[in-house]
Amino acid sequence: MARPRAITDEALLDAARAVFIRSGPGATTAEIAEAAGVSEATLFRRYATKDALFMAAMELPPEPGWAALANALAEDPRPLRERLEVLATALLDFFREIIPRVMVLRAAGIDLSCHMTQLAEPPPVKGLKAVAHFFHREQRAGRVRPVDPEIPARLLIGAMHHHAFFEACGLDAHAPLPPASYVRGAVDVILRGVEVETAK
């Protein structure tokens, strides 16, 4: 009977990812093995080379999970503000996880733009369309004023990306804003707009 693996592939990749994000693509397999609590031999039994381990650990999801969430929330009976806060939180969580990976991949000299342009529908575009569709559904229901639905979709996605980018660059210490407060504030601004209505 085969001995059970001391560490799952998922846990091993989580440990490797954390080391690469902390130390960059130059992190050693010795560092990764120590973080994972295994020997370097175990690493190389699972992944033949450090490059193979790097690509597996830093792999980007084939599509953003929040695309499916946006479609599901379009059918959700909760108030619009509450649903948008759920969607914004999912966007923020996604970008907080993905942006550090992208930064390390770029540091390793990997050109993601070439890969994206070869896809029939790149994941970011699919995600944008899902959020735009959400706003379109809300317009048809009379809960959002008639504007190009891609505009509020881009505003929401961009706002969450910005917060995650500040965190990844260590800039949140200079302009601190708790994530939950940021989500509520961003959703409020998008829903209300920023122009003060004047009496006619």
Foldseek 3Di string as FASTA:
>chain_A
DDDDDPDDPVLLLVLVLVQCLVPFLPDDLCSSCVSSVHDSVVVCVVPVDSVRSLCVSLPDDQAQPLLVLLQVLLPDPDDPLVSQLVSLVSLLVNLLVNVSSVVRCVVVVHDVVVVQVVDPAGRVNSSLVSQLVSVVSCVVVVQAPDDNSSVLSCQSNVQSNVVSVCVSVVNCVVVPDDPSRSSSVSSVCSSVPDDDDDDD
